[in-house]
Protein backbone atom coordinates (compact mmCIF):
# COMPACT_ATOMS: atom_id res chain seq x y z
CA MET A 1 5.92 -12.61 7.35
CA ASP A 2 2.26 -11.68 6.91
CA LEU A 3 3.66 -8.64 5.57
CA ALA A 4 5.74 -10.11 3.61
CA LYS A 5 3.08 -12.69 1.85
CA SER A 6 0.52 -10.07 0.79
CA ALA A 7 3.23 -7.63 -0.75
CA ASN A 8 2.06 -8.47 -4.16
CA VAL A 9 -1.57 -7.96 -3.11
CA GLN A 10 -2.73 -4.97 -3.69
CA GLY A 11 -3.88 -2.41 -1.41
CA TRP A 12 -6.00 0.97 -1.15
CA TRP A 13 -2.61 3.09 -1.01
CA ASP A 14 -1.70 1.96 -4.75
CA ASN A 15 -4.41 3.98 -6.20
CA TYR A 16 -3.02 6.69 -4.70
CA ALA A 17 0.86 5.75 -6.03
CA ASP A 18 1.07 9.37 -6.96
CA THR A 19 0.46 11.13 -4.45
CA ILE A 20 2.11 9.08 -1.46
CA PRO A 21 5.22 8.98 -0.58
CA HIS A 22 7.26 6.27 -0.19
CA ARG A 23 8.08 6.79 3.22
CA ILE A 24 3.93 6.75 4.15
CA THR A 25 3.64 3.50 2.55
CA PRO A 26 4.83 1.44 4.90
CA LEU A 27 2.54 2.97 7.83
CA LEU A 28 -0.31 2.77 5.83
CA MET A 29 0.59 -1.46 5.80
CA LEU A 30 1.05 -1.83 8.83
CA GLU A 31 -1.72 0.15 10.49
CA ASP A 32 -4.35 -2.08 7.66
CA GLU A 33 -3.14 -4.70 9.54
CA ALA A 34 -2.97 -3.38 13.28
CA ARG A 35 -4.55 -3.70 15.99
CA GLY A 36 -3.91 -0.67 17.73
CA GLU A 37 -2.18 2.51 18.29
CA TRP A 38 -0.42 5.31 20.79
CA HIS A 39 -0.74 8.59 19.58
CA TRP A 40 1.30 11.61 21.87
CA ALA A 41 1.12 14.61 19.94
CA THR A 42 2.58 17.95 19.67
CA THR A 43 1.90 19.85 17.55
CA TYR A 44 -1.46 18.76 15.50
CA VAL A 45 -4.42 16.35 16.01
CA PRO A 46 -3.27 12.94 14.17
CA GLY A 47 -4.03 12.20 10.90
CA LEU A 48 -6.61 9.72 11.90
CA LEU A 49 -8.69 12.25 13.67
CA GLN A 50 -8.99 15.40 11.95
CA THR A 51 -11.45 16.53 9.47
CA ARG A 52 -11.43 17.73 5.98
CA GLU A 53 -11.46 20.80 6.87
CA TYR A 54 -8.95 20.98 9.53
CA ALA A 55 -6.49 17.93 7.46
CA THR A 56 -6.32 20.73 4.32
CA ALA A 57 -5.03 23.94 6.54
CA VAL A 58 -2.46 21.68 7.77
CA HIS A 59 -1.44 20.69 4.46
CA ARG A 60 -1.20 24.10 3.20
CA VAL A 61 1.20 24.91 5.56
CA ILE A 62 3.59 22.13 5.25
CA GLU A 63 3.27 22.05 1.32
CA PRO A 64 2.98 26.00 0.49
CA ASP A 65 3.50 24.90 -3.19
CA ALA A 66 1.74 22.44 -3.72
CA SER A 67 -0.91 22.68 -6.57
CA ALA A 68 -5.43 23.40 -4.83
CA ASP A 69 -5.27 19.43 -7.21
CA GLU A 70 -2.29 18.36 -4.81
CA ILE A 71 -3.60 19.66 -1.74
CA GLU A 72 -7.82 17.76 -2.33
CA ARG A 73 -5.46 14.58 -3.85
CA LYS A 74 -3.38 14.58 -0.22
CA VAL A 75 -6.07 14.96 1.77
CA ASP A 76 -8.35 12.10 0.38
CA VAL A 77 -5.04 9.73 1.84
CA ARG A 78 -6.01 11.34 4.69
CA MET A 79 -9.31 10.83 4.54
CA LYS A 80 -9.44 7.29 3.41
CA ARG A 81 -6.91 6.16 5.83
CA GLN A 82 -9.65 6.76 8.41
CA ASP A 83 -11.37 3.84 7.32
CA VAL A 84 -8.99 1.66 9.30
CA LEU A 85 -11.37 3.60 12.23
CA ARG A 86 -14.44 1.79 10.89
CA ARG A 87 -13.94 -1.05 9.80
CA PRO A 88 -15.68 -4.53 11.25
CA SER A 89 -13.21 -4.89 14.40
CA PRO A 90 -11.88 -1.12 14.39
CA LEU A 91 -8.23 0.44 15.42
CA SER A 92 -8.51 0.58 18.96
CA LEU A 93 -7.03 4.09 19.55
CA SER A 94 -5.02 6.39 22.62
CA VAL A 95 -4.34 9.90 22.33
CA VAL A 96 -2.19 12.13 24.42
CA LEU A 97 -2.65 15.73 23.02
CA ASP A 98 -0.20 17.99 24.18
CA GLU A 99 -2.67 21.26 25.15
CA SER A 100 -0.35 23.15 22.86
CA VAL A 101 -2.72 20.98 19.99
CA ILE A 102 -5.74 22.37 20.54
CA ARG A 103 -5.00 26.10 21.66
CA ARG A 104 -3.07 26.53 18.03
CA GLU A 105 -5.57 27.66 15.68
CA VAL A 106 -5.16 25.53 12.60
CA GLY A 107 -7.13 26.92 9.61
CA GLY A 108 -8.94 29.42 11.32
CA ALA A 109 -11.36 29.86 14.19
CA LYS A 110 -14.48 28.27 12.73
CA ILE A 111 -12.55 24.95 11.09
CA MET A 112 -10.30 24.99 15.28
CA GLY A 113 -13.26 24.60 16.23
CA GLU A 114 -15.43 21.94 13.82
CA GLN A 115 -12.30 19.76 14.51
CA LEU A 116 -12.21 19.98 18.34
CA ARG A 117 -15.75 19.16 18.41
CA HIS A 118 -14.99 16.37 16.18
CA LEU A 119 -12.53 14.71 18.62
CA VAL A 120 -15.57 15.39 21.75
CA GLU A 121 -17.86 13.54 19.70
CA SER A 122 -15.07 10.26 18.37
CA VAL A 123 -14.56 9.21 21.91
CA GLY A 124 -15.96 6.40 22.24
CA PRO A 125 -14.97 2.26 23.40
CA THR A 126 -11.86 1.99 20.34
CA LEU A 127 -11.12 5.36 21.10
CA GLU A 128 -9.77 7.27 23.99
CA LEU A 129 -8.49 10.77 24.32
CA ARG A 130 -6.62 12.41 26.91
CA VAL A 131 -5.35 16.03 27.24
CA LEU A 132 -1.69 17.15 28.93
CA PRO A 133 -2.31 20.08 30.29
CA PHE A 134 0.31 22.76 30.36
CA SER A 135 0.09 22.88 34.68
CA SER A 136 1.31 19.43 34.30
CA GLY A 137 4.98 20.93 34.00
CA ALA A 138 7.27 19.08 32.26
CA HIS A 139 7.10 15.83 31.43
CA PRO A 140 8.98 12.45 30.26
CA ALA A 141 8.48 13.07 26.32
CA ASP A 142 11.54 14.65 25.07
CA SER A 143 11.03 13.93 21.76
CA PRO A 144 8.21 14.96 18.86
CA SER A 145 4.83 13.33 18.18
CA PHE A 146 5.48 9.49 17.37
CA MET A 147 2.61 6.46 17.46
CA ILE A 148 2.98 2.79 18.35
CA ILE A 149 1.54 0.84 16.08
CA ARG A 150 0.36 -2.66 17.70
CA GLY A 151 0.62 -5.64 15.62
CA GLN A 152 -1.72 -8.73 16.46
CA GLU A 153 0.62 -8.83 19.35
CA GLU A 154 3.30 -6.93 21.55
CA GLY A 155 6.34 -8.57 19.78
CA LEU A 156 5.11 -6.96 16.24
CA ASP A 157 5.26 -3.24 17.74
CA VAL A 158 6.57 -0.64 15.77
CA VAL A 159 7.20 2.64 16.78
CA HIS A 160 6.76 5.50 14.27
CA THR A 161 7.70 9.05 14.10
CA SER A 162 8.62 11.00 11.18
CA ASN A 163 10.72 14.41 10.67
CA LEU A 164 10.83 17.53 7.78
CA THR A 165 13.22 14.94 5.99
CA GLY A 166 11.43 11.45 6.17
CA ALA A 167 9.87 8.74 8.64
CA LEU A 168 11.38 6.64 11.40
CA PHE A 169 9.93 2.89 11.94
CA LEU A 170 11.68 1.67 15.23
CA GLU A 171 11.59 -2.01 16.06
CA LYS A 172 14.01 -2.77 18.46
CA PRO A 173 12.58 -4.29 22.30
CA ALA A 174 14.76 -1.27 24.45
CA GLU A 175 13.45 1.30 21.77
CA LEU A 176 9.69 -0.16 22.40
CA ASP A 177 10.00 -0.66 26.22
CA ARG A 178 11.16 2.95 26.29
CA HIS A 179 8.11 4.36 24.25
CA ARG A 180 5.47 2.06 25.89
CA VAL A 181 7.29 3.36 29.09
CA VAL A 182 6.97 7.03 28.09
CA PHE A 183 3.56 6.98 27.24
CA ARG A 184 2.64 5.39 30.05
CA GLN A 185 3.54 8.28 31.83
CA LEU A 186 1.92 10.73 29.84
CA GLN A 187 -1.49 8.92 30.28
CA GLU A 188 -0.86 9.32 33.91
CA LEU A 189 0.30 13.17 33.85
CA ALA A 190 -2.47 14.00 31.73
CA LEU A 191 -6.44 14.53 31.97
CA ASP A 192 -9.19 11.84 32.78
CA PRO A 193 -11.26 11.06 29.89
CA SER A 194 -13.59 12.89 31.17
CA ALA A 195 -11.57 16.60 32.09
CA SER A 196 -9.74 16.29 28.92
CA ALA A 197 -13.79 16.19 26.89
CA ASP A 198 -15.01 18.93 29.48
CA LEU A 199 -11.18 21.01 28.04
CA LEU A 200 -12.16 20.04 24.48
CA ALA A 201 -15.44 21.38 25.07
CA GLU A 202 -14.69 24.34 26.88
CA ALA A 203 -12.10 24.68 23.50
CA SER A 204 -14.17 24.58 21.01
CA GLU A 205 -17.18 26.44 22.76
CA ARG A 206 -14.43 29.53 22.78
CA PHE A 207 -13.32 28.91 18.47
CA ALA A 208 -16.68 28.98 17.66
CA THR A 209 -17.26 32.18 20.16
CA ASP A 210 -14.25 33.63 17.92
CA ALA A 211 -15.58 32.28 14.60
CA CYS A 212 -18.92 34.03 15.08
CA THR A 213 -16.73 38.03 16.17
């Protein structure tokens, strides 16, 4: 209801109307009102935690026909989106990264090392970060990356997931419950925050060493 009432109020994303796909606008609106997010990431570092250089490298891969100016503007949007982490009441994040995310080199060893170091340095009271190691074996998330956008109360939660052609917003109770259960199971299978930080630091140092050779 609050979103409906504010539908005619201009959001920061309106300044990027020529850049942001229509399917992304609902995500930005929900995120602006959310109190927290739970992320399961299987391919790339979640956008809210990407460095500018890493984000640029990702966009170059997924949008090979885009011009340098178009990519820069899209990255501007991603960086602006991260303002929710710096607002007076910052968005609370709980993230589980599949180990493949921290092993896959994106943009070169230097950029990857800096990205992983950024993750380690970002952990704090409003960010819990865990890594699901390959050694944990099979896990219950047989779907691609997803996030649970947490509303001001549980009944306002929304699941967001995307594919090559669009995005899905799931809000039926059964859909929400299933994703919540799976996310909590992933947290249990993942390394604890301290061990995850150690693994991220080790991977960052390895990329930094590769960048110097």
